[in-house]
Amino acid sequence: MANEELEGNTLAVYAFIAHANRPVGTRAVMRGANLSSPSVAHRHLQKLEDLGLIERNHYGDYVLKEKTGVNGYVWVGRNLVPRLLFYALFFMGAFGAEVAILVFGFFVSGLVPDVSFVYLTVMTAVAMALFLFEGASLNRKVKHKNQENSV
């Protein structure tokens, strides 16, 4: 449906309105989504309104009408979280378990770690770092500015 349309600044505006959970005006959206001008904010608000995801109330402010699925993101409460961050958490858990096995085997049992297991641990760490970096990059794109900047 609207997944193809929700990217870039339009996605940032949509995420800001969903997170705000209250009516917001054009200037609040401009500040909250870190846009350059009210006219840019209005263009993205109009696009979201045409998609049926937001609507104007009788005061002229915008409110969330419908939460929709966004490719690569998961709704956690009122926040859009990149799916890649969940993958990073999985690899973080696997890395922690592998390090615990290495430490226990070496210091407690006195076993010399197998080279293949050390290689596996390094590869898990690399995967964790890549997913964490990419997920954080995507998260910055949809995050609104700090709470003090929103109305």
C-alpha atoms as a PDB file:
ATOM      1  CA  MET A   1       0.000   0.000   0.000  1.00  0.00           C
ATOM      2  CA  ALA A   2       1.861   3.077   1.257  1.00  0.00           C
ATOM      3  CA  ASN A   3       5.153   1.329   1.864  1.00  0.00           C
ATOM      4  CA  GLU A   4       6.632   2.560  -1.408  1.00  0.00           C
ATOM      5  CA  GLU A   5       5.795   6.161  -0.496  1.00  0.00           C
ATOM      6  CA  LEU A   6       7.207   6.075   3.045  1.00  0.00           C
ATOM      7  CA  GLU A   7      10.885   6.826   2.815  1.00  0.00           C
ATOM      8  CA  GLY A   8      13.251   9.680   3.501  1.00  0.00           C
ATOM      9  CA  ASN A   9      11.706  12.830   4.933  1.00  0.00           C
ATOM     10  CA  THR A  10       8.157  11.539   4.507  1.00  0.00           C
ATOM     11  CA  LEU A  11       9.035   8.601   6.752  1.00  0.00           C
ATOM     12  CA  ALA A  12      10.647  10.954   9.291  1.00  0.00           C
ATOM     13  CA  VAL A  13       7.488  13.107   9.352  1.00  0.00           C
ATOM     14  CA  TYR A  14       5.270  10.035   9.735  1.00  0.00           C
ATOM     15  CA  ALA A  15       7.444   8.673  12.574  1.00  0.00           C
ATOM     16  CA  PHE A  16       7.415  12.057  14.307  1.00  0.00           C
ATOM     17  CA  ILE A  17       3.621  12.322  14.193  1.00  0.00           C
ATOM     18  CA  ALA A  18       3.191   8.732  15.383  1.00  0.00           C
ATOM     19  CA  HIS A  19       5.612   9.292  18.259  1.00  0.00           C
ATOM     20  CA  ALA A  20       4.082  12.638  19.244  1.00  0.00           C
ATOM     21  CA  ASN A  21       0.696  10.967  19.870  1.00  0.00           C
ATOM     22  CA  ARG A  22      -0.998  14.382  19.839  1.00  0.00           C
ATOM     23  CA  PRO A  23      -2.038  16.941  17.231  1.00  0.00           C
ATOM     24  CA  VAL A  24       0.965  18.721  15.714  1.00  0.00           C
ATOM     25  CA  GLY A  25       1.232  21.763  13.497  1.00  0.00           C
ATOM     26  CA  THR A  26       3.384  22.294  10.440  1.00  0.00           C
ATOM     27  CA  ARG A  27       6.115  24.162  12.325  1.00  0.00           C
ATOM     28  CA  ALA A  28       6.303  21.500  15.027  1.00  0.00           C
ATOM     29  CA  VAL A  29       6.716  18.887  12.297  1.00  0.00           C
ATOM     30  CA  MET A  30       9.393  21.002  10.634  1.00  0.00           C
ATOM     31  CA  ARG A  31      11.387  21.187  13.884  1.00  0.00           C
ATOM     32  CA  GLY A  32      10.660  17.632  15.014  1.00  0.00           C
ATOM     33  CA  ALA A  33      11.535  15.982  11.689  1.00  0.00           C
ATOM     34  CA  ASN A  34      14.488  18.352  11.162  1.00  0.00           C
ATOM     35  CA  LEU A  35      13.180  19.807   7.885  1.00  0.00           C
ATOM     36  CA  SER A  36      14.431  22.983   6.263  1.00  0.00           C
ATOM     37  CA  SER A  37      11.179  24.967   6.072  1.00  0.00           C
ATOM     38  CA  PRO A  38       7.456  24.854   6.839  1.00  0.00           C
ATOM     39  CA  SER A  39       6.700  24.460   3.126  1.00  0.00           C
ATOM     40  CA  VAL A  40       8.810  21.271   2.972  1.00  0.00           C
ATOM     41  CA  ALA A  41       6.975  19.999   6.064  1.00  0.00           C
ATOM     42  CA  HIS A  42       3.625  20.867   4.471  1.00  0.00           C
ATOM     43  CA  ARG A  43       4.503  18.959   1.290  1.00  0.00           C
ATOM     44  CA  HIS A  44       5.285  15.800   3.275  1.00  0.00           C
ATOM     45  CA  LEU A  45       2.206  16.254   5.458  1.00  0.00           C
ATOM     46  CA  GLN A  46       0.070  16.566   2.312  1.00  0.00           C
ATOM     47  CA  LYS A  47       1.601  13.380   0.933  1.00  0.00           C
ATOM     48  CA  LEU A  48       0.800  11.497   4.150  1.00  0.00           C
ATOM     49  CA  GLU A  49      -2.708  12.916   4.157  1.00  0.00           C
ATOM     50  CA  ASP A  50      -3.238  11.785   0.546  1.00  0.00           C
ATOM     51  CA  LEU A  51      -2.094   8.288   1.570  1.00  0.00           C
ATOM     52  CA  GLY A  52      -4.726   8.280   4.317  1.00  0.00           C
ATOM     53  CA  LEU A  53      -2.200   7.903   7.139  1.00  0.00           C
ATOM     54  CA  ILE A  54      -2.814  11.260   8.836  1.00  0.00           C
ATOM     55  CA  GLU A  55      -5.672  13.747   8.933  1.00  0.00           C
ATOM     56  CA  ARG A  56      -6.266  17.338   9.944  1.00  0.00           C
ATOM     57  CA  ASN A  57      -8.365  18.110  12.979  1.00  0.00           C
ATOM     58  CA  HIS A  58     -10.729  21.068  13.214  1.00  0.00           C
ATOM     59  CA  TYR A  59      -7.852  23.298  14.472  1.00  0.00           C
ATOM     60  CA  GLY A  60      -5.752  22.553  11.374  1.00  0.00           C
ATOM     61  CA  ASP A  61      -3.254  20.360  13.198  1.00  0.00           C
ATOM     62  CA  TYR A  62      -2.300  16.891  12.002  1.00  0.00           C
ATOM     63  CA  VAL A  63      -3.016  13.650  13.849  1.00  0.00           C
ATOM     64  CA  LEU A  64      -2.193  10.042  13.130  1.00  0.00           C
ATOM     65  CA  LYS A  65      -5.094   8.292  11.433  1.00  0.00           C
ATOM     66  CA  GLU A  66      -3.564   4.877  10.794  1.00  0.00           C
ATOM     67  CA  LYS A  67      -0.398   2.989  11.664  1.00  0.00           C
ATOM     68  CA  THR A  68       0.857   1.086   8.679  1.00  0.00           C
ATOM     69  CA  GLY A  69       3.652  -1.387   8.145  1.00  0.00           C
ATOM     70  CA  VAL A  70       6.878   0.124   6.865  1.00  0.00           C
ATOM     71  CA  ASN A  71       9.400  -2.016   5.010  1.00  0.00           C
ATOM     72  CA  GLY A  72      12.409  -2.762   7.200  1.00  0.00           C
ATOM     73  CA  TYR A  73      10.838  -1.354  10.372  1.00  0.00           C
ATOM     74  CA  VAL A  74       8.817  -2.723  13.289  1.00  0.00           C
ATOM     75  CA  TRP A  75       6.418  -0.771  15.472  1.00  0.00           C
ATOM     76  CA  VAL A  76       7.445  -0.850  19.137  1.00  0.00           C
ATOM     77  CA  GLY A  77       4.780   1.154  20.903  1.00  0.00           C
ATOM     78  CA  ARG A  78       4.734   4.517  19.145  1.00  0.00           C
ATOM     79  CA  ASN A  79       8.259   4.133  17.760  1.00  0.00           C
ATOM     80  CA  LEU A  80       9.440   2.779  14.432  1.00  0.00           C
ATOM     81  CA  VAL A  81      12.494   0.627  15.082  1.00  0.00           C
ATOM     82  CA  PRO A  82      14.667  -0.732  12.247  1.00  0.00           C
ATOM     83  CA  ARG A  83      14.424  -4.516  12.002  1.00  0.00           C
ATOM     84  CA  LEU A  84      18.223  -4.594  11.684  1.00  0.00           C
ATOM     85  CA  LEU A  85      18.536  -3.593  15.338  1.00  0.00           C
ATOM     86  CA  PHE A  86      16.744  -6.807  16.346  1.00  0.00           C
ATOM     87  CA  TYR A  87      19.214  -8.792  14.251  1.00  0.00           C
ATOM     88  CA  ALA A  88      22.038  -6.941  16.007  1.00  0.00           C
ATOM     89  CA  LEU A  89      20.568  -7.964  19.374  1.00  0.00           C
ATOM     90  CA  PHE A  90      20.455 -11.599  18.255  1.00  0.00           C
ATOM     91  CA  PHE A  91      24.120 -11.525  17.248  1.00  0.00           C
ATOM     92  CA  MET A  92      24.977  -9.675  20.453  1.00  0.00           C
ATOM     93  CA  GLY A  93      23.479 -12.530  22.470  1.00  0.00           C
ATOM     94  CA  ALA A  94      25.305 -15.127  20.377  1.00  0.00           C
ATOM     95  CA  PHE A  95      28.575 -13.201  20.765  1.00  0.00           C
ATOM     96  CA  GLY A  96      28.117 -12.989  24.527  1.00  0.00           C
ATOM     97  CA  ALA A  97      27.478 -16.729  24.739  1.00  0.00           C
ATOM     98  CA  GLU A  98      30.527 -17.517  22.591  1.00  0.00           C
ATOM     99  CA  VAL A  99      32.778 -15.266  24.691  1.00  0.00           C
ATOM    100  CA  ALA A 100      31.427 -16.880  27.866  1.00  0.00           C
ATOM    101  CA  ILE A 101      32.227 -20.347  26.456  1.00  0.00           C
ATOM    102  CA  LEU A 102      35.745 -19.231  25.506  1.00  0.00           C
ATOM    103  CA  VAL A 103      36.407 -17.639  28.902  1.00  0.00           C
ATOM    104  CA  PHE A 104      34.955 -20.572  30.838  1.00  0.00           C
ATOM    105  CA  GLY A 105      36.875 -23.096  28.754  1.00  0.00           C
ATOM    106  CA  PHE A 106      40.185 -21.267  29.025  1.00  0.00           C
ATOM    107  CA  PHE A 107      40.180 -19.955  32.602  1.00  0.00           C
ATOM    108  CA  VAL A 108      38.064 -22.541  34.408  1.00  0.00           C
ATOM    109  CA  SER A 109      38.755 -25.765  32.519  1.00  0.00           C
ATOM    110  CA  GLY A 110      42.192 -24.846  31.221  1.00  0.00           C
ATOM    111  CA  LEU A 111      41.261 -25.792  27.652  1.00  0.00           C
ATOM    112  CA  VAL A 112      42.968 -24.141  24.711  1.00  0.00           C
ATOM    113  CA  PRO A 113      40.277 -22.646  22.457  1.00  0.00           C
ATOM    114  CA  ASP A 114      39.841 -24.252  19.063  1.00  0.00           C
ATOM    115  CA  VAL A 115      40.857 -21.922  16.217  1.00  0.00           C
ATOM    116  CA  SER A 116      37.601 -22.522  14.367  1.00  0.00           C
ATOM    117  CA  PHE A 117      35.575 -21.471  17.435  1.00  0.00           C
ATOM    118  CA  VAL A 118      37.627 -18.302  17.808  1.00  0.00           C
ATOM    119  CA  TYR A 119      37.047 -17.594  14.104  1.00  0.00           C
ATOM    120  CA  LEU A 120      33.306 -18.140  14.618  1.00  0.00           C
ATOM    121  CA  THR A 121      33.345 -15.705  17.546  1.00  0.00           C
ATOM    122  CA  VAL A 122      35.122 -13.057  15.475  1.00  0.00           C
ATOM    123  CA  MET A 123      32.632 -13.505  12.613  1.00  0.00           C
ATOM    124  CA  THR A 124      29.730 -13.174  15.058  1.00  0.00           C
ATOM    125  CA  ALA A 125      31.273  -9.954  16.397  1.00  0.00           C
ATOM    126  CA  VAL A 126      31.620  -8.580  12.867  1.00  0.00           C
ATOM    127  CA  ALA A 127      27.999  -9.456  12.026  1.00  0.00           C
ATOM    128  CA  MET A 128      26.819  -7.846  15.265  1.00  0.00           C
ATOM    129  CA  ALA A 129      28.781  -4.673  14.535  1.00  0.00           C
ATOM    130  CA  LEU A 130      27.500  -4.415  10.958  1.00  0.00           C
ATOM    131  CA  PHE A 131      23.842  -4.906  11.933  1.00  0.00           C
ATOM    132  CA  LEU A 132      24.231  -2.475  14.821  1.00  0.00           C
ATOM    133  CA  PHE A 133      25.820   0.196  12.624  1.00  0.00           C
ATOM    134  CA  GLU A 134      23.261  -0.149   9.814  1.00  0.00           C
ATOM    135  CA  GLY A 135      20.338  -0.303  12.236  1.00  0.00           C
ATOM    136  CA  ALA A 136      21.541   2.791  14.081  1.00  0.00           C
ATOM    137  CA  SER A 137      21.946   4.607  10.748  1.00  0.00           C
ATOM    138  CA  LEU A 138      18.360   3.794   9.783  1.00  0.00           C
ATOM    139  CA  ASN A 139      17.149   4.717  13.250  1.00  0.00           C
ATOM    140  CA  ARG A 140      18.720   8.183  12.981  1.00  0.00           C
ATOM    141  CA  LYS A 141      16.781   8.778   9.774  1.00  0.00           C
ATOM    142  CA  VAL A 142      13.388   8.359  11.428  1.00  0.00           C
ATOM    143  CA  LYS A 143      14.131   9.736  14.857  1.00  0.00           C
ATOM    144  CA  HIS A 144      12.744  13.120  15.607  1.00  0.00           C
ATOM    145  CA  LYS A 145      14.947  15.678  17.277  1.00  0.00           C
ATOM    146  CA  ASN A 146      15.207  15.828  21.041  1.00  0.00           C
ATOM    147  CA  GLN A 147      12.039  16.309  23.051  1.00  0.00           C
ATOM    148  CA  GLU A 148      12.906  19.929  23.872  1.00  0.00           C
ATOM    149  CA  ASN A 149      12.572  20.808  20.160  1.00  0.00           C
ATOM    150  CA  SER A 150       9.073  19.405  19.831  1.00  0.00           C
ATOM    151  CA  VAL A 151       6.043  21.424  20.831  1.00  0.00           C
END
